[in-house]
Protein backbone atom coordinates (compact mmCIF):
# COMPACT_ATOMS: atom_id res chain seq x y z
CA MET A 1 -8.67 13.00 89.13
CA THR A 2 -5.92 10.57 88.09
CA SER A 3 -5.55 9.22 84.61
CA ALA A 4 -7.24 5.99 85.74
CA GLN A 5 -10.14 7.86 87.38
CA ILE A 6 -10.64 9.91 84.18
CA LEU A 7 -10.74 6.84 82.00
CA ASP A 8 -13.18 5.15 84.46
CA TRP A 9 -15.47 8.14 84.28
CA LEU A 10 -15.35 8.19 80.50
CA GLY A 11 -16.16 4.52 80.35
CA ALA A 12 -19.07 4.97 82.68
CA HIS A 13 -20.55 7.70 80.53
CA ALA A 14 -19.95 6.09 77.17
CA ASP A 15 -22.84 5.35 74.92
CA PRO A 16 -22.07 2.73 72.25
CA GLU A 17 -24.87 3.88 69.94
CA TYR A 18 -23.68 7.47 70.09
CA SER A 19 -20.13 6.27 69.58
CA ALA A 20 -21.12 4.84 66.24
CA PHE A 21 -22.91 8.06 65.23
CA ALA A 22 -19.97 10.30 66.26
CA ALA A 23 -17.29 8.06 64.72
CA ALA A 24 -19.10 8.22 61.39
CA LEU A 25 -18.56 12.04 61.39
CA LEU A 26 -14.84 11.75 62.28
CA PRO A 27 -13.03 9.88 59.46
CA GLY A 28 -9.80 8.34 60.60
CA VAL A 29 -10.67 8.64 64.31
CA SER A 30 -11.00 5.16 65.79
CA ASP A 31 -11.05 5.80 69.48
CA VAL A 32 -14.47 7.38 70.10
CA LEU A 33 -16.14 6.00 73.24
CA GLY A 34 -19.39 7.94 72.77
CA VAL A 35 -19.51 10.40 75.66
CA ARG A 36 -21.72 13.36 74.85
CA LEU A 37 -20.22 16.87 74.75
CA PRO A 38 -22.46 18.41 77.46
CA ALA A 39 -21.17 15.80 79.93
CA LEU A 40 -17.61 16.44 78.87
CA ARG A 41 -18.08 20.18 79.33
CA ALA A 42 -19.54 19.74 82.80
CA LEU A 43 -16.54 17.53 83.79
CA ALA A 44 -14.05 19.96 82.20
CA ARG A 45 -15.46 22.89 84.15
CA LYS A 46 -15.11 20.94 87.39
CA LEU A 47 -11.59 19.77 86.62
CA ALA A 48 -10.52 23.33 85.58
CA THR A 49 -11.48 24.71 88.89
CA GLU A 50 -10.13 21.86 91.01
CA GLY A 51 -6.65 21.83 89.44
CA ALA A 52 -6.17 22.47 85.74
CA GLN A 53 -2.41 21.79 85.62
CA GLU A 54 -2.80 18.54 87.53
CA THR A 55 -5.65 17.47 85.20
CA LEU A 56 -3.66 18.27 82.08
CA ASN A 57 -0.71 16.32 83.37
CA ALA A 58 -3.02 13.33 84.07
CA LEU A 59 -5.00 13.27 80.83
CA PRO A 60 -3.96 10.51 78.41
CA ALA A 61 -3.77 11.10 74.73
CA THR A 62 -6.55 8.59 74.01
CA PRO A 63 -9.43 8.06 73.68
CA PHE A 64 -10.99 10.87 71.65
CA GLU A 65 -12.84 12.17 74.65
CA ALA A 66 -9.64 12.61 76.59
CA ARG A 67 -8.34 14.92 73.87
CA MET A 68 -11.64 16.80 73.92
CA LEU A 69 -11.39 17.14 77.72
CA HIS A 70 -7.83 18.42 77.35
CA GLY A 71 -8.85 21.32 75.10
CA LEU A 72 -11.96 22.14 77.24
CA VAL A 73 -9.93 22.31 80.46
CA ILE A 74 -7.51 24.68 78.84
CA GLY A 75 -10.44 26.90 77.72
CA TYR A 76 -12.23 26.93 81.05
CA ALA A 77 -9.17 27.35 83.35
CA GLU A 78 -8.75 30.79 84.87
CA VAL A 79 -5.04 31.44 84.22
CA ASP A 80 -2.96 34.23 82.82
CA PHE A 81 -2.14 34.59 79.07
CA ALA A 82 1.27 33.11 79.24
CA GLN A 83 0.20 30.01 81.02
CA ARG A 84 -2.81 29.44 78.72
CA TRP A 85 -0.68 29.79 75.65
CA ALA A 86 2.01 27.40 76.99
CA TRP A 87 -0.84 24.85 77.32
CA ILE A 88 -2.16 25.64 73.87
CA ASP A 89 1.24 25.16 72.36
CA SER A 90 1.53 21.80 73.95
CA PHE A 91 -1.99 20.77 73.04
CA LEU A 92 -2.07 21.74 69.32
CA PRO A 93 0.01 18.70 68.14
CA LEU A 94 -2.54 16.45 69.76
CA ILE A 95 -5.49 17.74 67.72
CA ASP A 96 -6.28 15.23 65.03
CA ASN A 97 -9.85 16.00 64.06
CA TRP A 98 -12.21 18.87 63.40
CA SER A 99 -14.48 18.19 66.39
CA VAL A 100 -11.82 18.58 69.05
CA CYS A 101 -10.39 21.54 67.13
CA ASP A 102 -13.69 23.45 66.75
CA SER A 103 -14.97 22.69 70.25
CA PHE A 104 -11.59 23.91 71.71
CA CYS A 105 -11.88 27.11 69.71
CA ALA A 106 -15.43 27.76 70.78
CA THR A 107 -14.51 27.36 74.38
CA LEU A 108 -11.45 29.56 74.24
CA ALA A 109 -13.33 32.32 72.39
CA ALA A 110 -16.16 32.34 74.86
CA GLN A 111 -13.79 32.81 77.73
CA TRP A 112 -11.40 35.46 76.27
CA SER A 113 -11.51 39.02 77.40
CA ASP A 114 -10.99 41.76 74.86
CA ALA A 115 -7.42 42.21 76.14
CA GLU A 116 -6.58 38.55 75.76
CA ARG A 117 -8.14 38.55 72.28
CA THR A 118 -5.87 41.49 71.27
CA VAL A 119 -2.71 40.01 72.64
CA ALA A 120 -3.53 36.57 71.18
CA TRP A 121 -3.95 37.81 67.57
CA PRO A 122 -0.32 37.45 66.38
CA ARG A 123 -0.33 33.87 67.62
CA VAL A 124 -3.61 33.04 66.09
CA ARG A 125 -2.48 34.51 62.75
CA ASP A 126 0.74 32.59 62.89
CA CYS A 127 -1.12 29.37 63.49
CA SER A 128 -3.19 29.99 60.34
CA GLN A 129 0.08 30.15 58.37
CA SER A 130 1.47 26.76 59.64
CA GLU A 131 2.03 23.67 57.54
CA SER A 132 0.18 21.42 60.04
CA PRO A 133 -3.45 21.03 58.99
CA PHE A 134 -5.11 21.17 62.41
CA VAL A 135 -2.84 24.02 63.62
CA VAL A 136 -4.07 25.93 60.60
CA ARG A 137 -7.66 24.98 61.29
CA PHE A 138 -7.24 26.13 64.90
CA GLY A 139 -5.99 29.55 63.75
CA VAL A 140 -8.81 29.91 61.21
CA VAL A 141 -11.64 28.73 63.44
CA MET A 142 -10.37 31.08 66.13
CA MET A 143 -10.73 33.88 63.69
CA ILE A 144 -14.36 32.84 63.01
CA ASP A 145 -15.09 32.63 66.77
CA ALA A 146 -13.18 35.55 68.11
CA TYR A 147 -12.13 37.97 65.40
CA MET A 148 -15.09 38.59 63.11
CA ARG A 149 -15.21 42.15 64.43
CA PRO A 150 -15.00 45.57 62.72
CA GLU A 151 -11.58 46.28 64.26
CA SER A 152 -10.07 42.98 63.12
CA ILE A 153 -11.86 41.97 59.90
CA ASP A 154 -9.15 43.42 57.58
CA GLY A 155 -6.42 41.43 59.33
CA VAL A 156 -8.58 38.29 59.21
CA LEU A 157 -9.22 38.56 55.48
CA SER A 158 -5.54 39.12 54.81
CA ALA A 159 -4.57 36.07 56.91
CA LEU A 160 -7.23 33.83 55.33
CA THR A 161 -6.13 34.64 51.74
CA SER A 162 -2.50 33.80 52.58
CA VAL A 163 -3.10 30.32 54.06
CA HIS A 164 -1.00 27.94 52.11
CA CYS A 165 -1.75 24.55 53.68
CA ASP A 166 -3.69 22.48 51.14
CA ALA A 167 -5.07 19.75 53.49
CA TYR A 168 -8.85 19.28 53.36
CA TYR A 169 -9.74 20.36 56.88
CA ALA A 170 -7.61 23.46 56.66
CA ARG A 171 -9.05 24.59 53.36
CA MET A 172 -12.61 23.80 54.50
CA ALA A 173 -12.00 26.05 57.46
CA VAL A 174 -10.86 28.87 55.21
CA ALA A 175 -13.97 28.45 53.06
CA TRP A 176 -16.16 28.49 56.12
CA ALA A 177 -14.41 31.63 57.44
CA LEU A 178 -14.78 33.46 54.13
CA ALA A 179 -18.50 32.65 53.98
CA THR A 180 -18.83 33.89 57.64
CA ALA A 181 -16.99 37.13 56.70
CA LEU A 182 -19.31 37.58 53.75
CA GLY A 183 -22.32 37.35 56.07
CA ASP A 184 -20.87 39.62 58.74
CA PHE A 185 -19.03 42.14 56.68
CA PRO A 186 -20.36 41.88 53.04
CA ILE A 187 -18.99 45.14 51.63
CA GLN A 188 -15.47 44.70 52.99
CA THR A 189 -15.34 41.06 52.10
CA ARG A 190 -16.61 41.37 48.56
CA ARG A 191 -14.25 44.26 47.85
CA PHE A 192 -11.27 42.36 49.34
CA LEU A 193 -12.00 39.07 47.56
CA GLU A 194 -12.54 40.69 44.18
CA ALA A 195 -8.98 41.92 44.34
CA GLN A 196 -7.48 38.55 45.35
CA GLU A 197 -6.46 35.33 43.50
CA ILE A 198 -8.26 32.65 45.52
CA ASP A 199 -7.86 28.93 44.99
CA PRO A 200 -10.86 27.80 42.80
CA TRP A 201 -11.63 24.91 45.17
CA VAL A 202 -11.79 27.33 48.14
CA ARG A 203 -13.93 29.69 46.14
CA ARG A 204 -16.45 27.02 45.33
CA LYS A 205 -16.60 25.79 48.94
CA ALA A 206 -16.95 29.31 50.30
CA ALA A 207 -19.78 29.92 47.87
CA GLN A 208 -21.46 26.62 48.94
CA LYS A 209 -21.05 27.61 52.67
CA ALA A 210 -22.51 31.07 51.88
CA ALA A 211 -25.49 29.42 50.10
CA GLU A 212 -26.15 27.28 53.16
CA SER A 213 -25.98 30.16 55.61
CA ARG A 214 -28.90 32.14 57.03
CA CYS A 215 -26.54 35.03 57.83
CA VAL A 216 -25.68 35.70 54.12
CA SER A 217 -28.19 37.86 52.12
CA HIS A 218 -29.70 36.66 48.86
CA GLU A 219 -27.71 39.28 47.00
CA ASP A 220 -24.49 38.16 48.50
CA LYS A 221 -25.24 34.54 47.84
CA GLN A 222 -25.70 35.43 44.17
CA TRP A 223 -22.47 37.36 44.20
CA ALA A 224 -20.65 34.40 45.76
CA ARG A 225 -21.91 32.02 43.10
CA THR A 226 -20.64 34.37 40.34
CA TRP A 227 -17.31 34.85 42.18
CA ALA A 228 -16.94 31.15 42.59
CA LYS A 229 -16.92 30.70 38.89
CA GLY A 230 -13.92 32.92 38.53
């Protein structure tokens, strides 16, 4: 599809009422048409098989749904590691909101093989240490989606506690990741966090996320509340 054809498709599938709802969840994002994610995923799968590189070349930077499509096509395309990461590197500067970031991460993680996950870890970790808020969030959310595993949890915790970007969406991702780690690996996570100096704001938000999670035990929720108080 050409850029014009993609924009025509997006316009034809836009829902003004859904646009208002979605935009309210995305502060600072003003170009939401209101195309629902399942429809975008279906189109992205089709475009990824018909010609991923051509699609990525054709996709405009706006509207919001075009950026969402960009990430989804990268995730669904069947390409080698080097090509996928070349696309990822080009796409990361375009991410300007949590929705595109988190949907991109979920799609990538679902498609990765164990081998790709292993090879990608140094790059994911490096992203988490960036100064760019949504590059950091990409790295951290990829840890949630792909690296909450016994063989990688120690590296994840170490990376999370060394994130130095203080932007809201980066710090919230860290808090979310710490709460997820507490639910999945409570013993290792509690032991690790008790030995670390964690930003008080992140501690409080992590405890809040833990309290809201069905995956965190009552005992660990109580521990998190105490830990959050410092």
